[in-house]
Amino acid sequence: MNETAIARHRRPGRPKEDTSLKETILNHAEIAFAENGYEGTTVRDVAARAGVNQALIRYYFGSKSDLFDEVFRRRGGILSGHRHVNLDRLLDRPEPPTVEEIVHAYLKPQWDMKYSGESGAAFVRMQARLHAEPEEHALRLRREVYDASVKRYIAALGSILPEIPKEVISTRWAFLVGAYLFMLNDLARLSDLTEGRLAEIGKEELLDHLVRFLSAGLRTPVS
């Protein structure tokens, strides 16, 4: 069947797959969800930003929930993949990694993403908002995208901190997640607390402070 015949057999209203258009929709959806959250964003909002009609978004992605999930999986999967690679490099060395190296390997991909441009920063804001979205939906997404890498990092810490029970390390890891999300998303408040001196600290120096602070908490002896 030639291309003309294929075109005749294509169902009316069904556009050809256009990867660049899908990426454009995802990029605009990411910013909309970052600014307004899941509940505050409509398919109409995303369509207007992307310059397409709502039917096209539904054709490519389905419901608003499906679109949100696709946006989150796209960069969340990249983050999780980088974390796996970083940990693999540490574990492949002959000497065991330090707590600081493990924490840095986990935080660095998202730290870099925040400063990679508008889209990366939007995803970081979107992820922070996820904690305020419907609990079942948020938990399912975080488990799907992040659990495999998080469990590997907890296991790696357990191997170099055998004196600390796994459940304690897991609880402290939850504290770590909360602290670094705050650092990624509330720099204005941090600037207030430091009387404006935060602006004098570079992003890598700030990450180093965070890594040392969190590492100290992870290795604190259990009394």
Protein backbone atom coordinates (compact mmCIF):
# COMPACT_ATOMS: atom_id res chain seq x y z
CA MET A 1 0.00 0.00 0.00
CA ASN A 2 1.44 3.35 -1.02
CA GLU A 3 1.44 6.51 1.15
CA THR A 4 -1.64 7.91 -0.57
CA ALA A 5 -3.59 4.76 0.16
CA ILE A 6 -2.41 4.74 3.77
CA ALA A 7 -3.56 8.33 4.18
CA ARG A 8 -7.01 7.38 2.86
CA HIS A 9 -7.29 4.54 5.37
CA ARG A 10 -6.26 6.69 8.35
CA ARG A 11 -9.22 7.46 10.57
CA PRO A 12 -10.55 11.02 10.23
CA GLY A 13 -9.20 13.42 12.82
CA ARG A 14 -6.28 11.20 13.75
CA PRO A 15 -3.06 13.18 13.16
CA LYS A 16 0.24 11.54 12.33
CA GLU A 17 2.51 10.96 15.31
CA ASP A 18 4.52 14.14 15.80
CA THR A 19 7.20 13.71 18.44
CA SER A 20 8.16 17.37 18.43
CA LEU A 21 4.53 18.43 18.97
CA LYS A 22 4.13 15.97 21.82
CA GLU A 23 7.29 17.35 23.44
CA THR A 24 5.95 20.89 23.01
CA ILE A 25 2.73 19.93 24.79
CA LEU A 26 4.66 18.21 27.58
CA ASN A 27 6.90 21.25 28.04
CA HIS A 28 3.95 23.61 28.36
CA ALA A 29 2.06 21.20 30.60
CA GLU A 30 5.09 20.96 32.87
CA ILE A 31 5.16 24.72 33.38
CA ALA A 32 1.38 24.90 33.89
CA PHE A 33 1.43 22.14 36.52
CA ALA A 34 4.44 23.76 38.20
CA GLU A 35 2.68 27.12 38.45
CA ASN A 36 -0.83 25.98 39.36
CA GLY A 37 -0.58 22.41 40.61
CA TYR A 38 -2.62 19.46 39.36
CA GLU A 39 -5.96 20.66 40.69
CA GLY A 40 -5.41 24.22 39.45
CA THR A 41 -4.51 23.25 35.88
CA THR A 42 -6.98 22.33 33.13
CA VAL A 43 -6.47 20.71 29.75
CA ARG A 44 -7.74 23.98 28.28
CA ASP A 45 -4.90 25.86 30.05
CA VAL A 46 -2.30 23.53 28.58
CA ALA A 47 -3.85 23.69 25.11
CA ALA A 48 -3.82 27.49 25.16
CA ARG A 49 -0.16 27.59 26.23
CA ALA A 50 0.88 25.04 23.60
CA GLY A 51 -1.20 26.61 20.82
CA VAL A 52 -3.16 23.42 20.09
CA ASN A 53 -6.74 22.31 20.59
CA GLN A 54 -7.84 20.23 23.57
CA ALA A 55 -8.81 17.29 21.37
CA LEU A 56 -5.20 16.92 20.24
CA ILE A 57 -3.99 16.72 23.83
CA ARG A 58 -6.61 14.06 24.59
CA TYR A 59 -5.60 12.18 21.46
CA TYR A 60 -1.93 12.07 22.44
CA PHE A 61 -2.24 11.70 26.21
CA GLY A 62 -5.80 10.85 27.25
CA SER A 63 -7.09 12.48 30.43
CA LYS A 64 -5.52 15.29 32.45
CA SER A 65 -4.37 12.67 34.93
CA ASP A 66 -2.61 10.74 32.16
CA LEU A 67 -0.97 13.93 30.91
CA PHE A 68 0.28 14.79 34.39
CA ASP A 69 1.68 11.30 34.82
CA GLU A 70 3.49 11.49 31.48
CA VAL A 71 5.01 14.86 32.38
CA PHE A 72 6.21 13.55 35.72
CA ARG A 73 7.56 10.27 34.34
CA ARG A 74 9.54 12.06 31.64
CA ARG A 75 11.95 13.97 33.87
CA GLY A 76 11.44 11.84 36.96
CA GLY A 77 12.69 8.85 34.99
CA ILE A 78 15.74 10.81 33.86
CA LEU A 79 16.50 11.77 37.47
CA SER A 80 16.12 8.24 38.72
CA GLY A 81 18.32 6.93 35.92
CA HIS A 82 21.10 9.39 36.73
CA ARG A 83 20.92 8.38 40.38
CA HIS A 84 21.33 4.72 39.46
CA VAL A 85 24.35 5.55 37.29
CA ASN A 86 25.94 7.70 40.02
CA LEU A 87 25.52 4.97 42.60
CA ASP A 88 26.86 2.31 40.24
CA ARG A 89 30.04 4.34 39.82
CA LEU A 90 30.50 4.58 43.57
CA LEU A 91 29.85 0.89 44.18
CA ASP A 92 32.16 -0.21 41.35
CA ARG A 93 35.18 1.30 43.11
CA PRO A 94 37.38 -0.99 45.22
CA GLU A 95 36.95 1.17 48.34
CA PRO A 96 33.50 1.69 49.91
CA PRO A 97 31.87 5.09 49.37
CA THR A 98 31.46 7.59 52.19
CA VAL A 99 28.10 8.81 53.44
CA GLU A 100 28.82 12.19 51.86
CA GLU A 101 29.52 10.60 48.48
CA ILE A 102 26.27 8.64 48.57
CA VAL A 103 24.23 11.71 49.52
CA HIS A 104 25.94 13.84 46.86
CA ALA A 105 25.34 11.18 44.19
CA TYR A 106 21.63 11.21 45.02
CA LEU A 107 21.14 14.98 45.22
CA LYS A 108 23.32 16.11 42.31
CA PRO A 109 21.02 15.13 39.38
CA GLN A 110 18.09 17.14 40.68
CA TRP A 111 20.31 19.99 41.78
CA ASP A 112 21.65 20.21 38.23
CA MET A 113 18.13 19.96 36.79
CA LYS A 114 16.93 22.95 38.81
CA TYR A 115 19.63 25.12 37.28
CA SER A 116 19.39 23.68 33.75
CA GLY A 117 16.81 26.17 32.46
CA GLU A 118 13.10 26.97 32.60
CA SER A 119 11.87 23.42 32.02
CA GLY A 120 14.17 21.83 34.58
CA ALA A 121 13.25 24.43 37.19
CA ALA A 122 9.56 23.92 36.38
CA PHE A 123 9.84 20.20 37.01
CA VAL A 124 11.45 20.81 40.40
CA ARG A 125 8.54 23.09 41.36
CA MET A 126 6.06 20.58 39.99
CA GLN A 127 7.61 17.82 42.06
CA ALA A 128 7.38 19.93 45.21
CA ARG A 129 3.71 20.57 44.48
CA LEU A 130 3.14 16.84 44.13
CA HIS A 131 3.31 16.55 47.91
CA ALA A 132 0.19 18.72 48.16
CA GLU A 133 -1.77 16.86 45.47
CA PRO A 134 -4.28 14.00 46.03
CA GLU A 135 -2.36 11.56 48.22
CA GLU A 136 -3.11 8.32 46.38
CA HIS A 137 -2.11 9.75 43.02
CA ALA A 138 1.06 11.37 44.38
CA LEU A 139 2.18 8.27 46.26
CA ARG A 140 1.62 6.03 43.26
CA LEU A 141 3.72 8.26 41.02
CA ARG A 142 6.57 8.64 43.49
CA ARG A 143 6.67 4.90 44.11
CA GLU A 144 6.67 4.11 40.42
CA VAL A 145 9.37 6.59 39.45
CA TYR A 146 11.65 6.79 42.49
CA ASP A 147 11.33 3.74 44.74
CA ALA A 148 13.84 1.52 42.95
CA SER A 149 16.65 4.07 43.18
CA VAL A 150 15.77 5.19 46.72
CA LYS A 151 15.87 1.61 48.01
CA ARG A 152 19.31 1.12 46.47
CA TYR A 153 20.64 4.22 48.21
CA ILE A 154 19.19 3.14 51.55
CA ALA A 155 20.80 -0.28 51.10
CA ALA A 156 24.14 1.33 50.23
CA LEU A 157 24.00 3.43 53.40
CA GLY A 158 23.12 0.36 55.43
CA SER A 159 26.23 -1.39 54.20
CA ILE A 160 28.54 1.37 55.48
CA LEU A 161 26.48 2.18 58.60
CA PRO A 162 25.79 -1.33 59.91
CA GLU A 163 25.34 -0.04 63.46
CA ILE A 164 22.22 1.91 62.44
CA PRO A 165 19.02 -0.14 61.88
CA LYS A 166 17.56 -0.04 58.37
CA GLU A 167 14.28 1.42 59.59
CA VAL A 168 16.19 4.32 61.18
CA ILE A 169 18.13 4.95 57.97
CA SER A 170 14.86 4.87 56.01
CA THR A 171 13.26 7.39 58.37
CA ARG A 172 16.27 9.68 58.17
CA TRP A 173 16.14 9.39 54.38
CA ALA A 174 12.62 10.80 54.50
CA PHE A 175 14.05 13.74 56.48
CA LEU A 176 16.69 14.13 53.76
CA VAL A 177 14.05 14.32 51.04
CA GLY A 178 12.13 16.98 52.94
CA ALA A 179 15.22 19.08 53.55
CA TYR A 180 16.51 19.05 50.00
CA LEU A 181 13.07 19.80 48.53
CA PHE A 182 12.92 22.86 50.78
CA MET A 183 16.39 23.90 49.63
CA LEU A 184 15.36 23.51 46.01
CA ASN A 185 12.11 25.41 46.29
CA ASP A 186 12.23 28.00 49.06
CA LEU A 187 15.40 29.96 48.45
CA ALA A 188 13.55 33.22 49.06
CA ARG A 189 12.91 32.17 52.64
CA LEU A 190 16.51 31.08 53.01
CA SER A 191 17.61 34.48 51.81
CA ASP A 192 15.48 36.04 54.55
CA LEU A 193 17.01 33.80 57.21
CA THR A 194 20.55 34.63 56.08
CA GLU A 195 19.79 38.36 55.78
CA GLY A 196 20.42 38.25 52.05
CA ARG A 197 23.81 36.56 52.24
CA LEU A 198 22.51 33.46 50.48
CA ALA A 199 22.97 35.28 47.16
CA GLU A 200 26.71 35.30 47.80
CA ILE A 201 26.86 31.49 47.97
CA GLY A 202 27.23 29.63 44.67
CA LYS A 203 24.99 26.68 43.88
CA GLU A 204 27.82 24.14 44.26
CA GLU A 205 28.86 25.57 47.61
CA LEU A 206 25.24 25.49 48.73
CA LEU A 207 24.98 21.85 47.68
CA ASP A 208 28.16 21.07 49.62
CA HIS A 209 26.67 22.63 52.78
CA LEU A 210 23.53 20.57 52.30
CA VAL A 211 25.43 17.32 51.73
CA ARG A 212 27.52 17.77 54.88
CA PHE A 213 24.48 18.68 56.99
CA LEU A 214 22.41 15.72 55.80
CA SER A 215 25.31 13.28 56.05
CA ALA A 216 25.88 14.23 59.67
CA GLY A 217 22.25 13.48 60.44
CA LEU A 218 22.34 10.12 58.65
CA ARG A 219 25.36 8.88 60.60
CA THR A 220 24.27 10.12 64.05
CA PRO A 221 24.50 7.19 66.50
CA VAL A 222 21.27 5.66 67.71
CA SER A 223 21.03 6.28 71.46
